Amino acid sequence: MALLHRLNLSHKFLILGAIALLMVVLPSTLYFKRVFADVAFFQGEAHGSASLVALNKVIRLTQTHRGLSAAMLNGNEALAARRPAMRDSVVQAMDALDGDLKQAGASEKIQNHWQALHKSWTTLEHGVANQQLKAAESTQLHTKLIAEQLLLDEELLDEFGLSLDPDADVYFLIQSTMVNMPWLAENLGVMRALGSGFLTQASLPPEGRATLQGLQKRVLQLQGDMFRNLKKATD
């Protein structure tokens, strides 16, 4: 205290000013650090969202191509005529996703996974176009490819922070629309493809019935998960 008494008035104001500045700078620094982190997080979400939309378009078109390929390989000339246009749509959607992933700065792991799926598609489409595959084999390979595309969808959700959104309503909405719904659509698509095949053959063997029952159980489970997450998002 004696030291303070010996200081002149200007020095005392300088000390008080320094203390006040410290009191302002420290919380402000912490605040802006949090703000910049939030901005970076939401920018990552925005970039990831574009890639996810593009990937889901690829998935939908691949599912349609699966059905047209099976029809063509089964001798349906009317649907076979539609397959080349759908193939071109898939290729265009994949090219668009290539650009979105690069623009979003996707990790090497994501890029490598996507390139492997791109290569699998090229091989599969070549086999279909040259009728080197039977309808059942084509459907099986398409289904395997689509399952991998859906797994990539989940990897993108994780990488860009969309699967960990801090807002509960947004989190549950993402889970419902970006996770549950695509898997539900895929299982329904597989059921439709198998069911159409059995109707065409006018036969439902025991193993086919068991497969359809298993798919139905999975569909009901995914449907329940989707509606529960939607309810949580809107409550």
C-alpha atoms as a PDB file:
ATOM      1  CA  MET A   1       0.000   0.000   0.000  1.00  0.00           C
ATOM      2  CA  ALA A   2       2.909   2.354   0.759  1.00  0.00           C
ATOM      3  CA  LEU A   3       4.089   1.902  -2.812  1.00  0.00           C
ATOM      4  CA  LEU A   4       0.719   2.985  -4.155  1.00  0.00           C
ATOM      5  CA  HIS A   5       0.786   6.105  -2.023  1.00  0.00           C
ATOM      6  CA  ARG A   6       4.162   7.064  -3.502  1.00  0.00           C
ATOM      7  CA  LEU A   7       2.863   6.753  -7.110  1.00  0.00           C
ATOM      8  CA  ASN A   8       1.594   9.845  -8.810  1.00  0.00           C
ATOM      9  CA  LEU A   9      -1.975  10.047 -10.087  1.00  0.00           C
ATOM     10  CA  SER A  10      -1.138   9.264 -13.735  1.00  0.00           C
ATOM     11  CA  HIS A  11       0.642   6.026 -12.775  1.00  0.00           C
ATOM     12  CA  LYS A  12      -2.303   4.983 -10.629  1.00  0.00           C
ATOM     13  CA  PHE A  13      -4.639   5.496 -13.605  1.00  0.00           C
ATOM     14  CA  LEU A  14      -2.297   3.471 -15.800  1.00  0.00           C
ATOM     15  CA  ILE A  15      -2.398   0.573 -13.316  1.00  0.00           C
ATOM     16  CA  LEU A  16      -6.190   0.754 -13.067  1.00  0.00           C
ATOM     17  CA  GLY A  17      -6.411   0.882 -16.860  1.00  0.00           C
ATOM     18  CA  ALA A  18      -4.196  -2.190 -17.219  1.00  0.00           C
ATOM     19  CA  ILE A  19      -6.333  -4.107 -14.706  1.00  0.00           C
ATOM     20  CA  ALA A  20      -9.522  -3.068 -16.514  1.00  0.00           C
ATOM     21  CA  LEU A  21      -8.033  -4.039 -19.872  1.00  0.00           C
ATOM     22  CA  LEU A  22      -7.072  -7.450 -18.517  1.00  0.00           C
ATOM     23  CA  MET A  23     -10.597  -7.941 -17.180  1.00  0.00           C
ATOM     24  CA  VAL A  24     -12.008  -7.187 -20.644  1.00  0.00           C
ATOM     25  CA  VAL A  25      -9.450  -8.979 -22.807  1.00  0.00           C
ATOM     26  CA  LEU A  26      -9.510 -12.353 -21.044  1.00  0.00           C
ATOM     27  CA  PRO A  27     -13.287 -13.045 -21.269  1.00  0.00           C
ATOM     28  CA  SER A  28     -13.401 -11.469 -24.741  1.00  0.00           C
ATOM     29  CA  THR A  29     -10.644 -13.795 -25.922  1.00  0.00           C
ATOM     30  CA  LEU A  30     -12.467 -16.819 -24.532  1.00  0.00           C
ATOM     31  CA  TYR A  31     -15.718 -15.623 -26.108  1.00  0.00           C
ATOM     32  CA  PHE A  32     -14.282 -15.063 -29.569  1.00  0.00           C
ATOM     33  CA  LYS A  33     -12.407 -18.364 -29.389  1.00  0.00           C
ATOM     34  CA  ARG A  34     -15.757 -20.075 -28.819  1.00  0.00           C
ATOM     35  CA  VAL A  35     -17.401 -18.052 -31.606  1.00  0.00           C
ATOM     36  CA  PHE A  36     -14.683 -18.929 -34.128  1.00  0.00           C
ATOM     37  CA  ALA A  37     -14.917 -22.598 -33.140  1.00  0.00           C
ATOM     38  CA  ASP A  38     -18.702 -22.504 -33.683  1.00  0.00           C
ATOM     39  CA  VAL A  39     -18.265 -20.795 -37.063  1.00  0.00           C
ATOM     40  CA  ALA A  40     -15.724 -23.416 -38.157  1.00  0.00           C
ATOM     41  CA  PHE A  41     -18.083 -26.175 -36.975  1.00  0.00           C
ATOM     42  CA  PHE A  42     -21.051 -24.799 -38.907  1.00  0.00           C
ATOM     43  CA  GLN A  43     -18.938 -24.204 -42.009  1.00  0.00           C
ATOM     44  CA  GLY A  44     -17.883 -27.842 -41.850  1.00  0.00           C
ATOM     45  CA  GLU A  45     -21.522 -28.874 -41.537  1.00  0.00           C
ATOM     46  CA  ALA A  46     -22.449 -26.743 -44.549  1.00  0.00           C
ATOM     47  CA  HIS A  47     -19.713 -28.282 -46.706  1.00  0.00           C
ATOM     48  CA  GLY A  48     -20.630 -31.772 -45.533  1.00  0.00           C
ATOM     49  CA  SER A  49     -24.321 -31.200 -46.223  1.00  0.00           C
ATOM     50  CA  ALA A  50     -23.640 -30.517 -49.903  1.00  0.00           C
ATOM     51  CA  SER A  51     -21.636 -33.739 -50.192  1.00  0.00           C
ATOM     52  CA  LEU A  52     -24.353 -35.709 -48.406  1.00  0.00           C
ATOM     53  CA  VAL A  53     -27.064 -34.396 -50.730  1.00  0.00           C
ATOM     54  CA  ALA A  54     -24.921 -35.347 -53.728  1.00  0.00           C
ATOM     55  CA  LEU A  55     -24.207 -38.811 -52.294  1.00  0.00           C
ATOM     56  CA  ASN A  56     -27.872 -39.472 -51.586  1.00  0.00           C
ATOM     57  CA  LYS A  57     -28.649 -38.605 -55.208  1.00  0.00           C
ATOM     58  CA  VAL A  58     -26.034 -41.166 -56.297  1.00  0.00           C
ATOM     59  CA  ILE A  59     -27.651 -43.760 -54.034  1.00  0.00           C
ATOM     60  CA  ARG A  60     -31.174 -43.130 -55.376  1.00  0.00           C
ATOM     61  CA  LEU A  61     -30.032 -43.332 -58.979  1.00  0.00           C
ATOM     62  CA  THR A  62     -28.011 -46.498 -58.313  1.00  0.00           C
ATOM     63  CA  GLN A  63     -31.122 -48.081 -56.800  1.00  0.00           C
ATOM     64  CA  THR A  64     -33.106 -47.237 -59.933  1.00  0.00           C
ATOM     65  CA  HIS A  65     -30.288 -48.558 -62.126  1.00  0.00           C
ATOM     66  CA  ARG A  66     -30.411 -51.822 -60.159  1.00  0.00           C
ATOM     67  CA  GLY A  67     -34.044 -52.360 -61.091  1.00  0.00           C
ATOM     68  CA  LEU A  68     -33.578 -51.449 -64.744  1.00  0.00           C
ATOM     69  CA  SER A  69     -30.518 -53.700 -65.005  1.00  0.00           C
ATOM     70  CA  ALA A  70     -32.400 -56.655 -63.573  1.00  0.00           C
ATOM     71  CA  ALA A  71     -35.268 -56.029 -65.990  1.00  0.00           C
ATOM     72  CA  MET A  72     -32.891 -55.826 -68.950  1.00  0.00           C
ATOM     73  CA  LEU A  73     -31.073 -59.014 -67.992  1.00  0.00           C
ATOM     74  CA  ASN A  74     -34.434 -60.739 -67.620  1.00  0.00           C
ATOM     75  CA  GLY A  75     -35.304 -59.760 -71.198  1.00  0.00           C
ATOM     76  CA  ASN A  76     -37.566 -56.757 -70.656  1.00  0.00           C
ATOM     77  CA  GLU A  77     -36.737 -54.684 -73.733  1.00  0.00           C
ATOM     78  CA  ALA A  78     -38.909 -51.705 -72.763  1.00  0.00           C
ATOM     79  CA  LEU A  79     -37.078 -51.167 -69.478  1.00  0.00           C
ATOM     80  CA  ALA A  80     -33.751 -52.082 -71.064  1.00  0.00           C
ATOM     81  CA  ALA A  81     -34.124 -49.067 -73.365  1.00  0.00           C
ATOM     82  CA  ARG A  82     -34.284 -46.794 -70.310  1.00  0.00           C
ATOM     83  CA  ARG A  83     -31.131 -48.152 -68.673  1.00  0.00           C
ATOM     84  CA  PRO A  84     -28.484 -46.197 -70.693  1.00  0.00           C
ATOM     85  CA  ALA A  85     -30.051 -42.858 -69.728  1.00  0.00           C
ATOM     86  CA  MET A  86     -30.109 -43.918 -66.083  1.00  0.00           C
ATOM     87  CA  ARG A  87     -26.474 -45.040 -66.344  1.00  0.00           C
ATOM     88  CA  ASP A  88     -25.561 -41.584 -67.640  1.00  0.00           C
ATOM     89  CA  SER A  89     -27.453 -39.976 -64.754  1.00  0.00           C
ATOM     90  CA  VAL A  90     -25.513 -42.084 -62.253  1.00  0.00           C
ATOM     91  CA  VAL A  91     -22.201 -41.104 -63.866  1.00  0.00           C
ATOM     92  CA  GLN A  92     -23.135 -37.389 -63.803  1.00  0.00           C
ATOM     93  CA  ALA A  93     -24.171 -37.618 -60.144  1.00  0.00           C
ATOM     94  CA  MET A  94     -20.897 -39.342 -59.289  1.00  0.00           C
ATOM     95  CA  ASP A  95     -18.900 -36.646 -61.082  1.00  0.00           C
ATOM     96  CA  ALA A  96     -20.789 -33.998 -59.108  1.00  0.00           C
ATOM     97  CA  LEU A  97     -19.996 -35.799 -55.854  1.00  0.00           C
ATOM     98  CA  ASP A  98     -16.311 -35.914 -56.827  1.00  0.00           C
ATOM     99  CA  GLY A  99     -16.309 -32.127 -57.025  1.00  0.00           C
ATOM    100  CA  ASP A 100     -18.270 -31.662 -53.792  1.00  0.00           C
ATOM    101  CA  LEU A 101     -15.916 -33.894 -51.801  1.00  0.00           C
ATOM    102  CA  LYS A 102     -12.864 -32.010 -53.059  1.00  0.00           C
ATOM    103  CA  GLN A 103     -14.459 -28.636 -52.368  1.00  0.00           C
ATOM    104  CA  ALA A 104     -15.428 -29.743 -48.863  1.00  0.00           C
ATOM    105  CA  GLY A 105     -11.879 -30.899 -48.148  1.00  0.00           C
ATOM    106  CA  ALA A 106     -12.880 -34.478 -47.373  1.00  0.00           C
ATOM    107  CA  SER A 107     -10.196 -36.609 -45.736  1.00  0.00           C
ATOM    108  CA  GLU A 108      -7.990 -39.033 -47.624  1.00  0.00           C
ATOM    109  CA  LYS A 109      -9.884 -41.907 -46.007  1.00  0.00           C
ATOM    110  CA  ILE A 110     -13.195 -40.636 -47.384  1.00  0.00           C
ATOM    111  CA  GLN A 111     -11.687 -39.946 -50.810  1.00  0.00           C
ATOM    112  CA  ASN A 112     -10.157 -43.442 -51.014  1.00  0.00           C
ATOM    113  CA  HIS A 113     -13.429 -45.076 -49.974  1.00  0.00           C
ATOM    114  CA  TRP A 114     -15.326 -43.090 -52.593  1.00  0.00           C
ATOM    115  CA  GLN A 115     -12.811 -43.921 -55.345  1.00  0.00           C
ATOM    116  CA  ALA A 116     -13.120 -47.629 -54.495  1.00  0.00           C
ATOM    117  CA  LEU A 117     -16.917 -47.358 -54.829  1.00  0.00           C
ATOM    118  CA  HIS A 118     -16.522 -45.486 -58.111  1.00  0.00           C
ATOM    119  CA  LYS A 119     -14.332 -48.308 -59.424  1.00  0.00           C
ATOM    120  CA  SER A 120     -16.843 -50.951 -58.268  1.00  0.00           C
ATOM    121  CA  TRP A 121     -19.618 -49.099 -60.109  1.00  0.00           C
ATOM    122  CA  THR A 122     -17.586 -48.969 -63.342  1.00  0.00           C
ATOM    123  CA  THR A 123     -16.903 -52.709 -63.189  1.00  0.00           C
ATOM    124  CA  LEU A 124     -20.523 -53.501 -62.383  1.00  0.00           C
ATOM    125  CA  GLU A 125     -21.954 -51.309 -65.116  1.00  0.00           C
ATOM    126  CA  HIS A 126     -19.583 -52.859 -67.661  1.00  0.00           C
ATOM    127  CA  GLY A 127     -20.788 -56.322 -66.672  1.00  0.00           C
ATOM    128  CA  VAL A 128     -24.416 -55.281 -67.037  1.00  0.00           C
ATOM    129  CA  ALA A 129     -23.934 -53.468 -70.363  1.00  0.00           C
ATOM    130  CA  ASN A 130     -22.190 -56.491 -71.881  1.00  0.00           C
ATOM    131  CA  GLN A 131     -24.723 -58.877 -70.303  1.00  0.00           C
ATOM    132  CA  GLN A 132     -21.956 -60.768 -68.546  1.00  0.00           C
ATOM    133  CA  LEU A 133     -24.084 -61.011 -65.411  1.00  0.00           C
ATOM    134  CA  LYS A 134     -27.332 -62.777 -64.634  1.00  0.00           C
ATOM    135  CA  ALA A 135     -30.172 -60.723 -63.208  1.00  0.00           C
ATOM    136  CA  ALA A 136     -29.798 -62.139 -59.693  1.00  0.00           C
ATOM    137  CA  GLU A 137     -26.047 -61.539 -59.707  1.00  0.00           C
ATOM    138  CA  SER A 138     -26.512 -57.976 -60.934  1.00  0.00           C
ATOM    139  CA  THR A 139     -29.034 -57.267 -58.182  1.00  0.00           C
ATOM    140  CA  GLN A 140     -26.721 -58.746 -55.570  1.00  0.00           C
ATOM    141  CA  LEU A 141     -23.746 -56.658 -56.709  1.00  0.00           C
ATOM    142  CA  HIS A 142     -25.850 -53.496 -56.917  1.00  0.00           C
ATOM    143  CA  THR A 143     -27.149 -54.132 -53.404  1.00  0.00           C
ATOM    144  CA  LYS A 144     -23.621 -54.615 -52.074  1.00  0.00           C
ATOM    145  CA  LEU A 145     -22.510 -51.383 -53.745  1.00  0.00           C
ATOM    146  CA  ILE A 146     -25.460 -49.436 -52.344  1.00  0.00           C
ATOM    147  CA  ALA A 147     -24.763 -50.772 -48.831  1.00  0.00           C
ATOM    148  CA  GLU A 148     -21.209 -49.428 -49.139  1.00  0.00           C
ATOM    149  CA  GLN A 149     -22.549 -46.091 -50.371  1.00  0.00           C
ATOM    150  CA  LEU A 150     -24.783 -45.902 -47.296  1.00  0.00           C
ATOM    151  CA  LEU A 151     -21.795 -46.620 -45.058  1.00  0.00           C
ATOM    152  CA  LEU A 152     -19.930 -43.775 -46.779  1.00  0.00           C
ATOM    153  CA  ASP A 153     -22.951 -41.598 -46.005  1.00  0.00           C
ATOM    154  CA  GLU A 154     -22.481 -42.327 -42.284  1.00  0.00           C
ATOM    155  CA  GLU A 155     -18.739 -41.671 -42.533  1.00  0.00           C
ATOM    156  CA  LEU A 156     -19.475 -38.254 -44.029  1.00  0.00           C
ATOM    157  CA  LEU A 157     -21.899 -37.500 -41.200  1.00  0.00           C
ATOM    158  CA  ASP A 158     -19.142 -38.253 -38.699  1.00  0.00           C
ATOM    159  CA  GLU A 159     -16.370 -36.424 -40.527  1.00  0.00           C
ATOM    160  CA  PHE A 160     -18.247 -33.159 -40.901  1.00  0.00           C
ATOM    161  CA  GLY A 161     -19.735 -33.222 -37.396  1.00  0.00           C
ATOM    162  CA  LEU A 162     -23.312 -33.721 -38.515  1.00  0.00           C
ATOM    163  CA  SER A 163     -23.752 -36.860 -36.411  1.00  0.00           C
ATOM    164  CA  LEU A 164     -22.776 -34.883 -33.293  1.00  0.00           C
ATOM    165  CA  ASP A 165     -24.775 -31.691 -33.751  1.00  0.00           C
ATOM    166  CA  PRO A 166     -25.032 -29.894 -30.378  1.00  0.00           C
ATOM    167  CA  ASP A 167     -28.700 -28.995 -30.933  1.00  0.00           C
ATOM    168  CA  ALA A 168     -30.826 -31.971 -29.936  1.00  0.00           C
ATOM    169  CA  ASP A 169     -33.650 -31.266 -32.405  1.00  0.00           C
ATOM    170  CA  VAL A 170     -31.203 -30.928 -35.316  1.00  0.00           C
ATOM    171  CA  TYR A 171     -29.341 -34.075 -34.216  1.00  0.00           C
ATOM    172  CA  PHE A 172     -32.493 -36.206 -34.166  1.00  0.00           C
ATOM    173  CA  LEU A 173     -33.692 -34.727 -37.466  1.00  0.00           C
ATOM    174  CA  ILE A 174     -30.363 -35.640 -39.095  1.00  0.00           C
ATOM    175  CA  GLN A 175     -30.541 -39.159 -37.693  1.00  0.00           C
ATOM    176  CA  SER A 176     -34.051 -39.574 -39.047  1.00  0.00           C
ATOM    177  CA  THR A 177     -33.506 -38.147 -42.531  1.00  0.00           C
ATOM    178  CA  MET A 178     -29.833 -38.929 -43.198  1.00  0.00           C
ATOM    179  CA  VAL A 179     -29.459 -42.315 -41.485  1.00  0.00           C
ATOM    180  CA  ASN A 180     -32.784 -44.071 -40.881  1.00  0.00           C
ATOM    181  CA  MET A 181     -34.594 -42.939 -44.035  1.00  0.00           C
ATOM    182  CA  PRO A 182     -31.913 -43.977 -46.592  1.00  0.00           C
ATOM    183  CA  TRP A 183     -31.535 -47.413 -45.005  1.00  0.00           C
ATOM    184  CA  LEU A 184     -35.331 -47.780 -44.878  1.00  0.00           C
ATOM    185  CA  ALA A 185     -35.605 -46.896 -48.571  1.00  0.00           C
ATOM    186  CA  GLU A 186     -32.864 -49.379 -49.440  1.00  0.00           C
ATOM    187  CA  ASN A 187     -34.470 -52.275 -47.559  1.00  0.00           C
ATOM    188  CA  LEU A 188     -37.831 -51.478 -49.161  1.00  0.00           C
ATOM    189  CA  GLY A 189     -36.103 -51.435 -52.550  1.00  0.00           C
ATOM    190  CA  VAL A 190     -34.559 -54.848 -51.956  1.00  0.00           C
ATOM    191  CA  MET A 191     -37.947 -56.214 -50.870  1.00  0.00           C
ATOM    192  CA  ARG A 192     -39.537 -54.811 -54.022  1.00  0.00           C
ATOM    193  CA  ALA A 193     -36.842 -56.312 -56.247  1.00  0.00           C
ATOM    194  CA  LEU A 194     -37.097 -59.734 -54.650  1.00  0.00           C
ATOM    195  CA  GLY A 195     -40.877 -59.629 -54.622  1.00  0.00           C
ATOM    196  CA  SER A 196     -41.009 -58.715 -58.308  1.00  0.00           C
ATOM    197  CA  GLY A 197     -38.707 -61.603 -59.116  1.00  0.00           C
ATOM    198  CA  PHE A 198     -40.837 -64.089 -57.224  1.00  0.00           C
ATOM    199  CA  LEU A 199     -44.003 -62.765 -58.888  1.00  0.00           C
ATOM    200  CA  THR A 200     -42.375 -63.098 -62.299  1.00  0.00           C
ATOM    201  CA  GLN A 201     -41.419 -66.678 -61.501  1.00  0.00           C
ATOM    202  CA  ALA A 202     -44.832 -67.331 -59.932  1.00  0.00           C
ATOM    203  CA  SER A 203     -42.986 -69.129 -57.161  1.00  0.00           C
ATOM    204  CA  LEU A 204     -41.943 -68.337 -53.592  1.00  0.00           C
ATOM    205  CA  PRO A 205     -39.480 -70.916 -52.240  1.00  0.00           C
ATOM    206  CA  PRO A 206     -39.045 -71.307 -48.446  1.00  0.00           C
ATOM    207  CA  GLU A 207     -35.678 -69.520 -48.442  1.00  0.00           C
ATOM    208  CA  GLY A 208     -37.231 -66.637 -50.399  1.00  0.00           C
ATOM    209  CA  ARG A 209     -40.060 -66.370 -47.890  1.00  0.00           C
ATOM    210  CA  ALA A 210     -37.559 -66.322 -45.020  1.00  0.00           C
ATOM    211  CA  THR A 211     -35.546 -63.574 -46.724  1.00  0.00           C
ATOM    212  CA  LEU A 212     -38.630 -61.441 -47.261  1.00  0.00           C
ATOM    213  CA  GLN A 213     -39.710 -61.928 -43.647  1.00  0.00           C
ATOM    214  CA  GLY A 214     -36.273 -60.884 -42.437  1.00  0.00           C
ATOM    215  CA  LEU A 215     -36.370 -57.786 -44.632  1.00  0.00           C
ATOM    216  CA  GLN A 216     -39.851 -56.951 -43.400  1.00  0.00           C
ATOM    217  CA  LYS A 217     -38.646 -57.129 -39.807  1.00  0.00           C
ATOM    218  CA  ARG A 218     -35.719 -54.842 -40.617  1.00  0.00           C
ATOM    219  CA  VAL A 219     -38.025 -52.390 -42.439  1.00  0.00           C
ATOM    220  CA  LEU A 220     -40.339 -52.163 -39.437  1.00  0.00           C
ATOM    221  CA  GLN A 221     -37.370 -51.577 -37.144  1.00  0.00           C
ATOM    222  CA  LEU A 222     -35.970 -48.793 -39.324  1.00  0.00           C
ATOM    223  CA  GLN A 223     -39.408 -47.269 -39.722  1.00  0.00           C
ATOM    224  CA  GLY A 224     -39.818 -47.212 -35.939  1.00  0.00           C
ATOM    225  CA  ASP A 225     -36.381 -45.616 -35.470  1.00  0.00           C
ATOM    226  CA  MET A 226     -37.172 -42.979 -38.094  1.00  0.00           C
ATOM    227  CA  PHE A 227     -40.489 -41.963 -36.550  1.00  0.00           C
ATOM    228  CA  ARG A 228     -39.026 -41.931 -33.018  1.00  0.00           C
ATOM    229  CA  ASN A 229     -36.230 -39.610 -34.114  1.00  0.00           C
ATOM    230  CA  LEU A 230     -38.700 -37.386 -35.974  1.00  0.00           C
ATOM    231  CA  LYS A 231     -40.832 -37.162 -32.845  1.00  0.00           C
ATOM    232  CA  LYS A 232     -37.794 -36.214 -30.756  1.00  0.00           C
ATOM    233  CA  ALA A 233     -36.870 -33.557 -33.307  1.00  0.00           C
ATOM    234  CA  THR A 234     -40.306 -31.948 -33.194  1.00  0.00           C
ATOM    235  CA  ASP A 235     -41.108 -32.261 -29.460  1.00  0.00           C
END
